[in-house]
Amino acid sequence: MTPDGFFVFDIDVDVPVLPPVSAFGAEFKTYMVWLATADLEQVKRLGPLTAGTRTRGKVAMNKFLVVITAERVPNGEKWAGPIVMRGRSPSAYLTNFSGHTMFNGGVPQ
């Protein structure tokens, strides 16, 4: 846990099989793993991903998304390519959806 109250998670992304990144277009060169807050206010590059190897890191966010994209360059600050896979932090499973607009009559007018 950080001094300001955020849990520190060890992230371990392992995808055993991936199509060639060029399947998304000849200009795409690498898969990249990103961590982001649910509102996308903070985005952190975790690292490149190749099939059968692990991409590891740490994140100090209570709720976060894991986003895997196909990228043209491996060193961008935010993703620019298509999202290929996504995941959520364990704390996202504790979200109460009863107050979500989708479940209470739609978007307010």
PDB file of N, CA and C in Angstrom:
ATOM      1  N   MET A   1       0.845  -1.167   0.000  1.00  0.00           N
ATOM      2  CA  MET A   1       0.000   0.000   0.000  1.00  0.00           C
ATOM      3  C   MET A   1       0.901   1.243   0.000  1.00  0.00           C
ATOM      4  N   THR A   2       0.500   2.243  -0.759  1.00  0.00           N
ATOM      5  CA  THR A   2       1.266   3.488  -0.808  1.00  0.00           C
ATOM      6  C   THR A   2       0.907   4.362   0.394  1.00  0.00           C
ATOM      7  N   PRO A   3       1.745   5.337   0.722  1.00  0.00           N
ATOM      8  CA  PRO A   3       1.434   6.224   1.852  1.00  0.00           C
ATOM      9  C   PRO A   3       0.100   6.970   1.698  1.00  0.00           C
ATOM     10  N   ASP A   4      -0.331   7.214   0.447  1.00  0.00           N
ATOM     11  CA  ASP A   4      -1.600   7.920   0.249  1.00  0.00           C
ATOM     12  C   ASP A   4      -2.795   6.975   0.099  1.00  0.00           C
ATOM     13  N   GLY A   5      -2.612   5.683   0.397  1.00  0.00           N
ATOM     14  CA  GLY A   5      -3.749   4.771   0.501  1.00  0.00           C
ATOM     15  C   GLY A   5      -4.091   3.943  -0.713  1.00  0.00           C
ATOM     16  N   PHE A   6      -3.235   3.849  -1.701  1.00  0.00           N
ATOM     17  CA  PHE A   6      -3.509   3.022  -2.875  1.00  0.00           C
ATOM     18  C   PHE A   6      -2.840   1.663  -2.719  1.00  0.00           C
ATOM     19  N   PHE A   7      -3.558   0.614  -3.077  1.00  0.00           N
ATOM     20  CA  PHE A   7      -2.957  -0.707  -3.089  1.00  0.00           C
ATOM     21  C   PHE A   7      -1.924  -0.773  -4.205  1.00  0.00           C
ATOM     22  N   VAL A   8      -0.863  -1.517  -4.001  1.00  0.00           N
ATOM     23  CA  VAL A   8       0.133  -1.740  -5.043  1.00  0.00           C
ATOM     24  C   VAL A   8      -0.053  -3.175  -5.534  1.00  0.00           C
ATOM     25  N   PHE A   9      -0.416  -3.301  -6.794  1.00  0.00           N
ATOM     26  CA  PHE A   9      -0.638  -4.604  -7.402  1.00  0.00           C
ATOM     27  C   PHE A   9       0.568  -4.986  -8.257  1.00  0.00           C
ATOM     28  N   ASP A  10       0.944  -6.265  -8.186  1.00  0.00           N
ATOM     29  CA  ASP A  10       1.908  -6.824  -9.131  1.00  0.00           C
ATOM     30  C   ASP A  10       1.109  -7.286 -10.345  1.00  0.00           C
ATOM     31  N   ILE A  11       1.447  -6.761 -11.495  1.00  0.00           N
ATOM     32  CA  ILE A  11       0.743  -7.104 -12.732  1.00  0.00           C
ATOM     33  C   ILE A  11       1.589  -8.106 -13.504  1.00  0.00           C
ATOM     34  N   ASP A  12       0.949  -9.147 -13.983  1.00  0.00           N
ATOM     35  CA  ASP A  12       1.621 -10.197 -14.731  1.00  0.00           C
ATOM     36  C   ASP A  12       0.720 -10.554 -15.910  1.00  0.00           C
ATOM     37  N   VAL A  13       1.071 -10.100 -17.108  1.00  0.00           N
ATOM     38  CA  VAL A  13       0.269 -10.342 -18.312  1.00  0.00           C
ATOM     39  C   VAL A  13       0.963 -11.405 -19.142  1.00  0.00           C
ATOM     40  N   ASP A  14       0.243 -12.482 -19.398  1.00  0.00           N
ATOM     41  CA  ASP A  14       0.788 -13.607 -20.160  1.00  0.00           C
ATOM     42  C   ASP A  14      -0.280 -14.070 -21.140  1.00  0.00           C
ATOM     43  N   VAL A  15      -0.007 -13.923 -22.417  1.00  0.00           N
ATOM     44  CA  VAL A  15      -0.932 -14.372 -23.460  1.00  0.00           C
ATOM     45  C   VAL A  15      -0.205 -15.447 -24.261  1.00  0.00           C
ATOM     46  N   PRO A  16      -0.660 -16.696 -24.157  1.00  0.00           N
ATOM     47  CA  PRO A  16       0.096 -17.780 -24.802  1.00  0.00           C
ATOM     48  C   PRO A  16       0.112 -17.731 -26.325  1.00  0.00           C
ATOM     49  N   VAL A  17      -0.977 -17.235 -26.933  1.00  0.00           N
ATOM     50  CA  VAL A  17      -1.060 -17.217 -28.403  1.00  0.00           C
ATOM     51  C   VAL A  17      -1.597 -15.860 -28.846  1.00  0.00           C
ATOM     52  N   LEU A  18      -0.920 -15.256 -29.782  1.00  0.00           N
ATOM     53  CA  LEU A  18      -1.352 -13.986 -30.378  1.00  0.00           C
ATOM     54  C   LEU A  18      -1.191 -14.083 -31.888  1.00  0.00           C
ATOM     55  N   PRO A  19      -2.113 -13.479 -32.637  1.00  0.00           N
ATOM     56  CA  PRO A  19      -1.882 -13.411 -34.082  1.00  0.00           C
ATOM     57  C   PRO A  19      -0.715 -12.460 -34.348  1.00  0.00           C
ATOM     58  N   PRO A  20      -0.092 -12.558 -35.509  1.00  0.00           N
ATOM     59  CA  PRO A  20       0.961 -11.583 -35.820  1.00  0.00           C
ATOM     60  C   PRO A  20       0.369 -10.180 -35.736  1.00  0.00           C
ATOM     61  N   VAL A  21       1.104  -9.246 -35.153  1.00  0.00           N
ATOM     62  CA  VAL A  21       0.583  -7.888 -34.980  1.00  0.00           C
ATOM     63  C   VAL A  21       0.247  -7.258 -36.330  1.00  0.00           C
ATOM     64  N   SER A  22       0.904  -7.699 -37.388  1.00  0.00           N
ATOM     65  CA  SER A  22       0.624  -7.185 -38.730  1.00  0.00           C
ATOM     66  C   SER A  22      -0.774  -7.576 -39.223  1.00  0.00           C
ATOM     67  N   ALA A  23      -1.448  -8.481 -38.504  1.00  0.00           N
ATOM     68  CA  ALA A  23      -2.825  -8.838 -38.866  1.00  0.00           C
ATOM     69  C   ALA A  23      -3.760  -7.642 -38.716  1.00  0.00           C
ATOM     70  N   PHE A  24      -3.361  -6.635 -37.943  1.00  0.00           N
ATOM     71  CA  PHE A  24      -4.161  -5.423 -37.754  1.00  0.00           C
ATOM     72  C   PHE A  24      -3.777  -4.338 -38.749  1.00  0.00           C
ATOM     73  N   GLY A  25      -2.792  -4.614 -39.576  1.00  0.00           N
ATOM     74  CA  GLY A  25      -2.322  -3.677 -40.588  1.00  0.00           C
ATOM     75  C   GLY A  25      -0.811  -3.758 -40.690  1.00  0.00           C
ATOM     76  N   ALA A  26      -0.293  -3.570 -41.870  1.00  0.00           N
ATOM     77  CA  ALA A  26       1.150  -3.701 -42.096  1.00  0.00           C
ATOM     78  C   ALA A  26       1.959  -2.700 -41.286  1.00  0.00           C
ATOM     79  N   GLU A  27       1.354  -1.576 -40.898  1.00  0.00           N
ATOM     80  CA  GLU A  27       2.090  -0.547 -40.170  1.00  0.00           C
ATOM     81  C   GLU A  27       2.272  -0.866 -38.685  1.00  0.00           C
ATOM     82  N   PHE A  28       1.564  -1.870 -38.154  1.00  0.00           N
ATOM     83  CA  PHE A  28       1.668  -2.197 -36.736  1.00  0.00           C
ATOM     84  C   PHE A  28       2.855  -3.116 -36.494  1.00  0.00           C
ATOM     85  N   LYS A  29       3.662  -2.758 -35.487  1.00  0.00           N
ATOM     86  CA  LYS A  29       4.930  -3.454 -35.241  1.00  0.00           C
ATOM     87  C   LYS A  29       4.984  -4.213 -33.931  1.00  0.00           C
ATOM     88  N   THR A  30       4.165  -3.833 -32.936  1.00  0.00           N
ATOM     89  CA  THR A  30       4.282  -4.449 -31.616  1.00  0.00           C
ATOM     90  C   THR A  30       2.959  -4.404 -30.867  1.00  0.00           C
ATOM     91  N   TYR A  31       2.777  -5.375 -29.972  1.00  0.00           N
ATOM     92  CA  TYR A  31       1.683  -5.313 -29.008  1.00  0.00           C
ATOM     93  C   TYR A  31       2.212  -4.580 -27.787  1.00  0.00           C
ATOM     94  N   MET A  32       1.362  -3.762 -27.169  1.00  0.00           N
ATOM     95  CA  MET A  32       1.765  -3.007 -25.984  1.00  0.00           C
ATOM     96  C   MET A  32       0.709  -3.175 -24.902  1.00  0.00           C
ATOM     97  N   VAL A  33       1.167  -3.305 -23.647  1.00  0.00           N
ATOM     98  CA  VAL A  33       0.280  -3.410 -22.486  1.00  0.00           C
ATOM     99  C   VAL A  33       0.249  -2.054 -21.787  1.00  0.00           C
ATOM    100  N   TRP A  34      -0.968  -1.584 -21.490  1.00  0.00           N
ATOM    101  CA  TRP A  34      -1.183  -0.293 -20.827  1.00  0.00           C
ATOM    102  C   TRP A  34      -2.019  -0.515 -19.580  1.00  0.00           C
ATOM    103  N   LEU A  35      -1.822   0.344 -18.592  1.00  0.00           N
ATOM    104  CA  LEU A  35      -2.652   0.385 -17.399  1.00  0.00           C
ATOM    105  C   LEU A  35      -3.295   1.760 -17.357  1.00  0.00           C
ATOM    106  N   ALA A  36      -4.585   1.806 -17.051  1.00  0.00           N
ATOM    107  CA  ALA A  36      -5.290   3.094 -17.059  1.00  0.00           C
ATOM    108  C   ALA A  36      -6.366   3.104 -15.991  1.00  0.00           C
ATOM    109  N   THR A  37      -6.647   4.292 -15.482  1.00  0.00           N
ATOM    110  CA  THR A  37      -7.799   4.442 -14.605  1.00  0.00           C
ATOM    111  C   THR A  37      -9.061   4.286 -15.449  1.00  0.00           C
ATOM    112  N   ALA A  38     -10.177   3.987 -14.797  1.00  0.00           N
ATOM    113  CA  ALA A  38     -11.425   3.742 -15.523  1.00  0.00           C
ATOM    114  C   ALA A  38     -11.861   4.930 -16.368  1.00  0.00           C
ATOM    115  N   ASP A  39     -11.533   6.156 -15.925  1.00  0.00           N
ATOM    116  CA  ASP A  39     -11.902   7.345 -16.688  1.00  0.00           C
ATOM    117  C   ASP A  39     -10.816   7.744 -17.699  1.00  0.00           C
ATOM    118  N   LEU A  40      -9.772   6.945 -17.813  1.00  0.00           N
ATOM    119  CA  LEU A  40      -8.630   7.164 -18.722  1.00  0.00           C
ATOM    120  C   LEU A  40      -7.867   8.453 -18.403  1.00  0.00           C
ATOM    121  N   GLU A  41      -8.047   8.971 -17.192  1.00  0.00           N
ATOM    122  CA  GLU A  41      -7.333  10.171 -16.770  1.00  0.00           C
ATOM    123  C   GLU A  41      -5.829   9.900 -16.652  1.00  0.00           C
ATOM    124  N   GLN A  42      -5.480   8.722 -16.170  1.00  0.00           N
ATOM    125  CA  GLN A  42      -4.078   8.310 -16.065  1.00  0.00           C
ATOM    126  C   GLN A  42      -3.859   7.087 -16.942  1.00  0.00           C
ATOM    127  N   VAL A  43      -2.819   7.109 -17.742  1.00  0.00           N
ATOM    128  CA  VAL A  43      -2.452   5.974 -18.578  1.00  0.00           C
ATOM    129  C   VAL A  43      -0.969   5.737 -18.399  1.00  0.00           C
ATOM    130  N   LYS A  44      -0.599   4.476 -18.159  1.00  0.00           N
ATOM    131  CA  LYS A  44       0.794   4.116 -17.949  1.00  0.00           C
ATOM    132  C   LYS A  44       1.148   2.955 -18.873  1.00  0.00           C
ATOM    133  N   ARG A  45       2.231   3.093 -19.600  1.00  0.00           N
ATOM    134  CA  ARG A  45       2.710   2.006 -20.461  1.00  0.00           C
ATOM    135  C   ARG A  45       3.410   0.983 -19.586  1.00  0.00           C
ATOM    136  N   LEU A  46       2.957  -0.271 -19.625  1.00  0.00           N
ATOM    137  CA  LEU A  46       3.594  -1.328 -18.859  1.00  0.00           C
ATOM    138  C   LEU A  46       4.750  -1.938 -19.643  1.00  0.00           C
ATOM    139  N   GLY A  47       4.543  -2.152 -20.950  1.00  0.00           N
ATOM    140  CA  GLY A  47       5.620  -2.684 -21.777  1.00  0.00           C
ATOM    141  C   GLY A  47       5.098  -3.486 -22.946  1.00  0.00           C
ATOM    142  N   PRO A  48       6.020  -3.926 -23.812  1.00  0.00           N
ATOM    143  CA  PRO A  48       5.623  -4.713 -24.982  1.00  0.00           C
ATOM    144  C   PRO A  48       5.206  -6.125 -24.578  1.00  0.00           C
ATOM    145  N   LEU A  49       4.392  -6.733 -25.415  1.00  0.00           N
ATOM    146  CA  LEU A  49       3.889  -8.079 -25.168  1.00  0.00           C
ATOM    147  C   LEU A  49       4.165  -8.949 -26.384  1.00  0.00           C
ATOM    148  N   THR A  50       4.725 -10.112 -26.142  1.00  0.00           N
ATOM    149  CA  THR A  50       4.883 -11.115 -27.193  1.00  0.00           C
ATOM    150  C   THR A  50       4.267 -12.413 -26.693  1.00  0.00           C
ATOM    151  N   ALA A  51       3.784 -13.215 -27.610  1.00  0.00           N
ATOM    152  CA  ALA A  51       3.125 -14.471 -27.250  1.00  0.00           C
ATOM    153  C   ALA A  51       4.077 -15.364 -26.469  1.00  0.00           C
ATOM    154  N   GLY A  52       3.563 -15.918 -25.373  1.00  0.00           N
ATOM    155  CA  GLY A  52       4.328 -16.872 -24.588  1.00  0.00           C
ATOM    156  C   GLY A  52       5.319 -16.271 -23.606  1.00  0.00           C
ATOM    157  N   THR A  53       5.426 -14.953 -23.548  1.00  0.00           N
ATOM    158  CA  THR A  53       6.305 -14.310 -22.568  1.00  0.00           C
ATOM    159  C   THR A  53       5.454 -13.441 -21.654  1.00  0.00           C
ATOM    160  N   ARG A  54       5.988 -13.093 -20.497  1.00  0.00           N
ATOM    161  CA  ARG A  54       5.234 -12.298 -19.533  1.00  0.00           C
ATOM    162  C   ARG A  54       5.696 -10.856 -19.544  1.00  0.00           C
ATOM    163  N   THR A  55       4.733  -9.978 -19.447  1.00  0.00           N
ATOM    164  CA  THR A  55       5.010  -8.552 -19.251  1.00  0.00           C
ATOM    165  C   THR A  55       4.621  -8.259 -17.813  1.00  0.00           C
ATOM    166  N   ARG A  56       5.581  -7.763 -17.040  1.00  0.00           N
ATOM    167  CA  ARG A  56       5.356  -7.565 -15.608  1.00  0.00           C
ATOM    168  C   ARG A  56       5.563  -6.123 -15.214  1.00  0.00           C
ATOM    169  N   GLY A  57       4.895  -5.738 -14.143  1.00  0.00           N
ATOM    170  CA  GLY A  57       5.058  -4.397 -13.607  1.00  0.00           C
ATOM    171  C   GLY A  57       4.257  -4.241 -12.336  1.00  0.00           C
ATOM    172  N   LYS A  58       4.200  -3.029 -11.844  1.00  0.00           N
ATOM    173  CA  LYS A  58       3.430  -2.697 -10.643  1.00  0.00           C
ATOM    174  C   LYS A  58       2.518  -1.522 -10.961  1.00  0.00           C
ATOM    175  N   VAL A  59       1.392  -1.484 -10.275  1.00  0.00           N
ATOM    176  CA  VAL A  59       0.465  -0.376 -10.444  1.00  0.00           C
ATOM    177  C   VAL A  59      -0.107  -0.009  -9.074  1.00  0.00           C
ATOM    178  N   ALA A  60      -0.204   1.289  -8.830  1.00  0.00           N
ATOM    179  CA  ALA A  60      -0.775   1.797  -7.579  1.00  0.00           C
ATOM    180  C   ALA A  60      -2.055   2.560  -7.904  1.00  0.00           C
ATOM    181  N   MET A  61      -3.071   1.837  -8.333  1.00  0.00           N
ATOM    182  CA  MET A  61      -4.397   2.386  -8.612  1.00  0.00           C
ATOM    183  C   MET A  61      -5.394   1.414  -7.982  1.00  0.00           C
ATOM    184  N   ASN A  62      -6.401   1.927  -7.310  1.00  0.00           N
ATOM    185  CA  ASN A  62      -7.362   1.026  -6.682  1.00  0.00           C
ATOM    186  C   ASN A  62      -8.237   0.315  -7.712  1.00  0.00           C
ATOM    187  N   LYS A  63      -8.648   1.016  -8.761  1.00  0.00           N
ATOM    188  CA  LYS A  63      -9.378   0.408  -9.875  1.00  0.00           C
ATOM    189  C   LYS A  63      -8.641   0.779 -11.142  1.00  0.00           C
ATOM    190  N   PHE A  64      -8.453  -0.204 -12.015  1.00  0.00           N
ATOM    191  CA  PHE A  64      -7.718   0.083 -13.240  1.00  0.00           C
ATOM    192  C   PHE A  64      -8.134  -0.876 -14.346  1.00  0.00           C
ATOM    193  N   LEU A  65      -7.782  -0.486 -15.541  1.00  0.00           N
ATOM    194  CA  LEU A  65      -7.985  -1.301 -16.736  1.00  0.00           C
ATOM    195  C   LEU A  65      -6.629  -1.771 -17.224  1.00  0.00           C
ATOM    196  N   VAL A  66      -6.598  -2.966 -17.780  1.00  0.00           N
ATOM    197  CA  VAL A  66      -5.425  -3.462 -18.492  1.00  0.00           C
ATOM    198  C   VAL A  66      -5.832  -3.476 -19.952  1.00  0.00           C
ATOM    199  N   VAL A  67      -5.095  -2.754 -20.781  1.00  0.00           N
ATOM    200  CA  VAL A  67      -5.439  -2.613 -22.192  1.00  0.00           C
ATOM    201  C   VAL A  67      -4.252  -3.080 -23.028  1.00  0.00           C
ATOM    202  N   ILE A  68      -4.512  -3.948 -23.991  1.00  0.00           N
ATOM    203  CA  ILE A  68      -3.474  -4.408 -24.918  1.00  0.00           C
ATOM    204  C   ILE A  68      -3.826  -3.886 -26.294  1.00  0.00           C
ATOM    205  N   THR A  69      -2.877  -3.189 -26.891  1.00  0.00           N
ATOM    206  CA  THR A  69      -3.103  -2.583 -28.203  1.00  0.00           C
ATOM    207  C   THR A  69      -2.057  -3.048 -29.200  1.00  0.00           C
ATOM    208  N   ALA A  70      -2.372  -2.883 -30.467  1.00  0.00           N
ATOM    209  CA  ALA A  70      -1.394  -3.043 -31.539  1.00  0.00           C
ATOM    210  C   ALA A  70      -0.863  -1.639 -31.826  1.00  0.00           C
ATOM    211  N   GLU A  71       0.457  -1.492 -31.837  1.00  0.00           N
ATOM    212  CA  GLU A  71       1.049  -0.159 -31.980  1.00  0.00           C
ATOM    213  C   GLU A  71       2.048  -0.102 -33.137  1.00  0.00           C
ATOM    214  N   ARG A  72       2.137   1.091 -33.714  1.00  0.00           N
ATOM    215  CA  ARG A  72       3.114   1.339 -34.777  1.00  0.00           C
ATOM    216  C   ARG A  72       4.526   1.518 -34.211  1.00  0.00           C
ATOM    217  N   VAL A  73       4.614   2.182 -33.043  1.00  0.00           N
ATOM    218  CA  VAL A  73       5.908   2.432 -32.396  1.00  0.00           C
ATOM    219  C   VAL A  73       5.816   1.962 -30.939  1.00  0.00           C
ATOM    220  N   PRO A  74       6.923   1.472 -30.374  1.00  0.00           N
ATOM    221  CA  PRO A  74       6.878   0.925 -29.017  1.00  0.00           C
ATOM    222  C   PRO A  74       7.064   1.944 -27.895  1.00  0.00           C
ATOM    223  N   ASN A  75       7.172   3.222 -28.206  1.00  0.00           N
ATOM    224  CA  ASN A  75       7.525   4.172 -27.152  1.00  0.00           C
ATOM    225  C   ASN A  75       6.552   5.348 -27.025  1.00  0.00           C
ATOM    226  N   GLY A  76       5.305   5.172 -27.411  1.00  0.00           N
ATOM    227  CA  GLY A  76       4.339   6.261 -27.272  1.00  0.00           C
ATOM    228  C   GLY A  76       3.916   6.473 -25.828  1.00  0.00           C
ATOM    229  N   GLU A  77       3.440   7.664 -25.528  1.00  0.00           N
ATOM    230  CA  GLU A  77       2.975   7.984 -24.176  1.00  0.00           C
ATOM    231  C   GLU A  77       1.572   7.435 -23.898  1.00  0.00           C
ATOM    232  N   LYS A  78       0.724   7.374 -24.933  1.00  0.00           N
ATOM    233  CA  LYS A  78      -0.617   6.795 -24.835  1.00  0.00           C
ATOM    234  C   LYS A  78      -0.826   5.917 -26.062  1.00  0.00           C
ATOM    235  N   TRP A  79      -1.778   5.009 -25.934  1.00  0.00           N
ATOM    236  CA  TRP A  79      -1.958   4.127 -27.086  1.00  0.00           C
ATOM    237  C   TRP A  79      -2.560   4.882 -28.247  1.00  0.00           C
ATOM    238  N   ALA A  80      -2.179   4.439 -29.448  1.00  0.00           N
ATOM    239  CA  ALA A  80      -2.666   5.057 -30.675  1.00  0.00           C
ATOM    240  C   ALA A  80      -3.301   4.025 -31.597  1.00  0.00           C
ATOM    241  N   GLY A  81      -3.000   2.751 -31.358  1.00  0.00           N
ATOM    242  CA  GLY A  81      -3.506   1.689 -32.213  1.00  0.00           C
ATOM    243  C   GLY A  81      -4.787   1.077 -31.685  1.00  0.00           C
ATOM    244  N   PRO A  82      -5.296   0.071 -32.383  1.00  0.00           N
ATOM    245  CA  PRO A  82      -6.545  -0.567 -31.971  1.00  0.00           C
ATOM    246  C   PRO A  82      -6.370  -1.374 -30.683  1.00  0.00           C
ATOM    247  N   ILE A  83      -7.418  -1.410 -29.890  1.00  0.00           N
ATOM    248  CA  ILE A  83      -7.429  -2.231 -28.680  1.00  0.00           C
ATOM    249  C   ILE A  83      -7.703  -3.671 -29.098  1.00  0.00           C
ATOM    250  N   VAL A  84      -6.823  -4.559 -28.678  1.00  0.00           N
ATOM    251  CA  VAL A  84      -6.897  -5.970 -29.055  1.00  0.00           C
ATOM    252  C   VAL A  84      -7.524  -6.798 -27.931  1.00  0.00           C
ATOM    253  N   MET A  85      -7.161  -6.486 -26.676  1.00  0.00           N
ATOM    254  CA  MET A  85      -7.700  -7.177 -25.505  1.00  0.00           C
ATOM    255  C   MET A  85      -7.789  -6.181 -24.355  1.00  0.00           C
ATOM    256  N   ARG A  86      -8.616  -6.529 -23.375  1.00  0.00           N
ATOM    257  CA  ARG A  86      -8.708  -5.678 -22.192  1.00  0.00           C
ATOM    258  C   ARG A  86      -9.052  -6.528 -20.985  1.00  0.00           C
ATOM    259  N   GLY A  87      -8.751  -5.996 -19.834  1.00  0.00           N
ATOM    260  CA  GLY A  87      -9.069  -6.658 -18.579  1.00  0.00           C
ATOM    261  C   GLY A  87      -9.314  -5.605 -17.515  1.00  0.00           C
ATOM    262  N   ARG A  88      -9.704  -6.045 -16.322  1.00  0.00           N
ATOM    263  CA  ARG A  88      -9.997  -5.123 -15.232  1.00  0.00           C
ATOM    264  C   ARG A  88      -9.296  -5.579 -13.968  1.00  0.00           C
ATOM    265  N   SER A  89      -9.134  -4.640 -13.061  1.00  0.00           N
ATOM    266  CA  SER A  89      -8.547  -4.952 -11.765  1.00  0.00           C
ATOM    267  C   SER A  89      -9.533  -5.770 -10.939  1.00  0.00           C
ATOM    268  N   PRO A  90      -9.040  -6.513  -9.946  1.00  0.00           N
ATOM    269  CA  PRO A  90      -9.953  -7.278  -9.087  1.00  0.00           C
ATOM    270  C   PRO A  90     -10.995  -6.397  -8.408  1.00  0.00           C
ATOM    271  N   SER A  91     -10.650  -5.164  -8.071  1.00  0.00           N
ATOM    272  CA  SER A  91     -11.598  -4.280  -7.388  1.00  0.00           C
ATOM    273  C   SER A  91     -12.761  -3.866  -8.286  1.00  0.00           C
ATOM    274  N   ALA A  92     -12.616  -3.986  -9.592  1.00  0.00           N
ATOM    275  CA  ALA A  92     -13.703  -3.634 -10.507  1.00  0.00           C
ATOM    276  C   ALA A  92     -14.888  -4.590 -10.344  1.00  0.00           C
ATOM    277  N   TYR A  93     -14.630  -5.789  -9.848  1.00  0.00           N
ATOM    278  CA  TYR A  93     -15.721  -6.745  -9.650  1.00  0.00           C
ATOM    279  C   TYR A  93     -16.603  -6.373  -8.468  1.00  0.00           C
ATOM    280  N   LEU A  94     -16.173  -5.415  -7.654  1.00  0.00           N
ATOM    281  CA  LEU A  94     -16.947  -4.990  -6.497  1.00  0.00           C
ATOM    282  C   LEU A  94     -17.827  -3.780  -6.794  1.00  0.00           C
ATOM    283  N   THR A  95     -17.843  -3.314  -8.031  1.00  0.00           N
ATOM    284  CA  THR A  95     -18.615  -2.136  -8.406  1.00  0.00           C
ATOM    285  C   THR A  95     -20.109  -2.416  -8.283  1.00  0.00           C
ATOM    286  N   ASN A  96     -20.838  -1.482  -7.701  1.00  0.00           N
ATOM    287  CA  ASN A  96     -22.279  -1.575  -7.593  1.00  0.00           C
ATOM    288  C   ASN A  96     -22.885  -0.921  -8.828  1.00  0.00           C
ATOM    289  N   PHE A  97     -23.492  -1.719  -9.676  1.00  0.00           N
ATOM    290  CA  PHE A  97     -24.045  -1.193 -10.924  1.00  0.00           C
ATOM    291  C   PHE A  97     -25.481  -0.703 -10.785  1.00  0.00           C
ATOM    292  N   SER A  98     -26.084  -0.819  -9.610  1.00  0.00           N
ATOM    293  CA  SER A  98     -27.483  -0.420  -9.467  1.00  0.00           C
ATOM    294  C   SER A  98     -27.682   1.069  -9.709  1.00  0.00           C
ATOM    295  N   GLY A  99     -26.657   1.889  -9.486  1.00  0.00           N
ATOM    296  CA  GLY A  99     -26.776   3.318  -9.723  1.00  0.00           C
ATOM    297  C   GLY A  99     -26.336   3.753 -11.105  1.00  0.00           C
ATOM    298  N   HIS A 100     -25.896   2.813 -11.915  1.00  0.00           N
ATOM    299  CA  HIS A 100     -25.420   3.132 -13.261  1.00  0.00           C
ATOM    300  C   HIS A 100     -26.603   3.495 -14.143  1.00  0.00           C
ATOM    301  N   THR A 101     -26.450   4.510 -14.974  1.00  0.00           N
ATOM    302  CA  THR A 101     -27.567   4.990 -15.805  1.00  0.00           C
ATOM    303  C   THR A 101     -28.119   3.902 -16.718  1.00  0.00           C
ATOM    304  N   MET A 102     -27.294   2.954 -17.102  1.00  0.00           N
ATOM    305  CA  MET A 102     -27.766   1.888 -17.984  1.00  0.00           C
ATOM    306  C   MET A 102     -28.837   1.036 -17.292  1.00  0.00           C
ATOM    307  N   PHE A 103     -28.798   0.968 -15.948  1.00  0.00           N
ATOM    308  CA  PHE A 103     -29.716   0.125 -15.211  1.00  0.00           C
ATOM    309  C   PHE A 103     -30.848   0.891 -14.529  1.00  0.00           C
ATOM    310  N   ASN A 104     -30.911   2.199 -14.704  1.00  0.00           N
ATOM    311  CA  ASN A 104     -31.987   2.952 -14.050  1.00  0.00           C
ATOM    312  C   ASN A 104     -32.727   3.861 -15.015  1.00  0.00           C
ATOM    313  N   GLY A 105     -32.988   3.381 -16.203  1.00  0.00           N
ATOM    314  CA  GLY A 105     -33.812   4.130 -17.131  1.00  0.00           C
ATOM    315  C   GLY A 105     -33.058   4.875 -18.224  1.00  0.00           C
ATOM    316  N   GLY A 106     -31.770   4.669 -18.315  1.00  0.00           N
ATOM    317  CA  GLY A 106     -31.018   5.297 -19.375  1.00  0.00           C
ATOM    318  C   GLY A 106     -30.396   6.621 -18.971  1.00  0.00           C
ATOM    319  N   VAL A 107     -29.944   7.343 -19.955  1.00  0.00           N
ATOM    320  CA  VAL A 107     -29.252   8.603 -19.737  1.00  0.00           C
ATOM    321  C   VAL A 107     -30.264   9.680 -19.360  1.00  0.00           C
ATOM    322  N   PRO A 108     -30.035  10.439 -18.289  1.00  0.00           N
ATOM    323  CA  PRO A 108     -30.975  11.502 -17.913  1.00  0.00           C
ATOM    324  C   PRO A 108     -31.110  12.555 -19.016  1.00  0.00           C
ATOM    325  N   GLN A 109     -32.284  13.087 -19.179  1.00  0.00           N
ATOM    326  CA  GLN A 109     -32.545  14.109 -20.204  1.00  0.00           C
ATOM    327  C   GLN A 109     -32.305  15.492 -19.675  1.00  0.00           C
TER     328      GLN A 109
END
